[in-house]
Amino acid sequence: MLEVPWLQEVDWKVWMDSSMALPEGHSTIAYEVPAEETIDKLANLKHSKLSEVRRLHRDILKKLLIEIRTRGYSKGYQWYYPGQRSQGCWSV
């Protein structure tokens, strides 16, 4: 860790006690979920108009998602949160 004079003044217990796990689909941990699992979950959303398209084109969407991750494109362009409008982002 950094050798800074204020380091010992931080109440790390408060930080640890107030932390919480992120939900599985949270965009900051999206890369940790395998592409196949991501596409399968999106294909099985009950109230999504794109579920059938995702089921029919699962293989190509998986390849697309892998390519997005390999090239390091923004996680926000992989999908948007189900139930929200994309506001310019496309959804896999």
Protein backbone atom coordinates (compact mmCIF):
# COMPACT_ATOMS: atom_id res chain seq x y z
CA MET A 1 0.00 0.00 0.00
CA LEU A 2 1.07 3.58 -0.38
CA GLU A 3 3.11 5.14 2.38
CA VAL A 4 0.97 8.19 3.07
CA PRO A 5 0.74 9.87 6.48
CA TRP A 6 -3.07 9.75 6.69
CA LEU A 7 -3.37 6.02 5.91
CA GLN A 8 -3.68 5.03 9.58
CA GLU A 9 -6.43 7.61 10.10
CA VAL A 10 -8.85 5.88 7.73
CA ASP A 11 -11.50 3.88 9.53
CA TRP A 12 -11.23 0.74 7.39
CA LYS A 13 -13.77 -1.13 9.53
CA VAL A 14 -16.48 1.36 8.58
CA TRP A 15 -15.62 0.89 4.91
CA MET A 16 -15.67 -2.89 5.18
CA ASP A 17 -18.87 -2.99 7.25
CA SER A 18 -20.73 -0.68 4.86
CA SER A 19 -19.68 -2.48 1.69
CA MET A 20 -22.09 -4.73 -0.15
CA ALA A 21 -21.90 -7.17 -3.01
CA LEU A 22 -22.87 -5.88 -6.42
CA PRO A 23 -25.78 -7.54 -8.18
CA GLU A 24 -24.81 -10.13 -10.77
CA GLY A 25 -25.69 -7.96 -13.77
CA HIS A 26 -24.01 -4.78 -12.54
CA SER A 27 -22.07 -3.12 -15.36
CA THR A 28 -18.86 -2.76 -13.34
CA ILE A 29 -18.49 -6.53 -13.05
CA ALA A 30 -20.00 -7.46 -16.40
CA TYR A 31 -16.72 -8.80 -17.77
CA GLU A 32 -16.55 -11.39 -14.99
CA VAL A 33 -19.63 -13.21 -16.30
CA PRO A 34 -18.84 -15.52 -19.26
CA ALA A 35 -20.29 -14.35 -22.58
CA GLU A 36 -22.39 -17.49 -23.04
CA GLU A 37 -23.95 -17.10 -19.60
CA THR A 38 -24.65 -13.42 -20.25
CA ILE A 39 -26.43 -14.10 -23.55
CA ASP A 40 -28.40 -17.00 -22.04
CA LYS A 41 -29.64 -14.80 -19.18
CA LEU A 42 -30.63 -12.03 -21.57
CA ALA A 43 -32.37 -14.55 -23.85
CA ASN A 44 -34.46 -15.78 -20.93
CA LEU A 45 -35.73 -12.40 -19.70
CA LYS A 46 -39.50 -12.80 -19.54
CA HIS A 47 -40.50 -9.21 -20.25
CA SER A 48 -37.95 -8.38 -22.94
CA LYS A 49 -39.06 -7.87 -26.53
CA LEU A 50 -35.59 -9.02 -27.62
CA SER A 51 -35.58 -12.38 -25.82
CA GLU A 52 -36.71 -14.33 -28.88
CA VAL A 53 -34.15 -12.58 -31.10
CA ARG A 54 -31.45 -13.40 -28.56
CA ARG A 55 -32.52 -17.06 -28.49
CA LEU A 56 -32.56 -17.32 -32.28
CA HIS A 57 -29.18 -15.63 -32.72
CA ARG A 58 -27.44 -16.82 -29.55
CA ASP A 59 -24.21 -17.92 -31.30
CA ILE A 60 -23.63 -14.71 -33.23
CA LEU A 61 -24.47 -12.59 -30.18
CA LYS A 62 -22.01 -14.56 -28.08
CA LYS A 63 -19.28 -13.98 -30.71
CA LEU A 64 -20.18 -10.29 -30.82
CA LEU A 65 -19.99 -9.97 -27.04
CA ILE A 66 -16.62 -11.73 -26.96
CA GLU A 67 -15.34 -9.36 -29.66
CA ILE A 68 -16.56 -6.32 -27.71
CA ARG A 69 -14.75 -7.55 -24.61
CA THR A 70 -11.59 -8.51 -26.51
CA ARG A 71 -11.32 -5.06 -28.07
CA GLY A 72 -11.95 -3.41 -24.72
CA TYR A 73 -14.99 -1.43 -25.75
CA SER A 74 -17.07 0.19 -23.04
CA LYS A 75 -19.07 -2.17 -20.85
CA GLY A 76 -22.01 0.20 -21.17
CA TYR A 77 -22.37 -0.77 -24.82
CA GLN A 78 -22.76 -4.48 -24.09
CA TRP A 79 -26.26 -4.12 -22.72
CA TYR A 80 -28.34 -1.75 -20.73
CA TYR A 81 -30.18 -2.63 -17.57
CA PRO A 82 -33.32 -4.63 -18.41
CA GLY A 83 -36.42 -2.50 -18.13
CA GLN A 84 -34.64 0.76 -18.89
CA ARG A 85 -34.46 2.58 -22.18
CA SER A 86 -31.06 2.34 -23.83
CA GLN A 87 -30.62 6.11 -24.36
CA GLY A 88 -28.31 5.62 -27.32
CA CYS A 89 -26.67 2.37 -26.24
CA TRP A 90 -27.41 -0.75 -28.21
CA SER A 91 -28.35 -3.94 -26.51
CA VAL A 92 -26.93 -7.40 -27.23
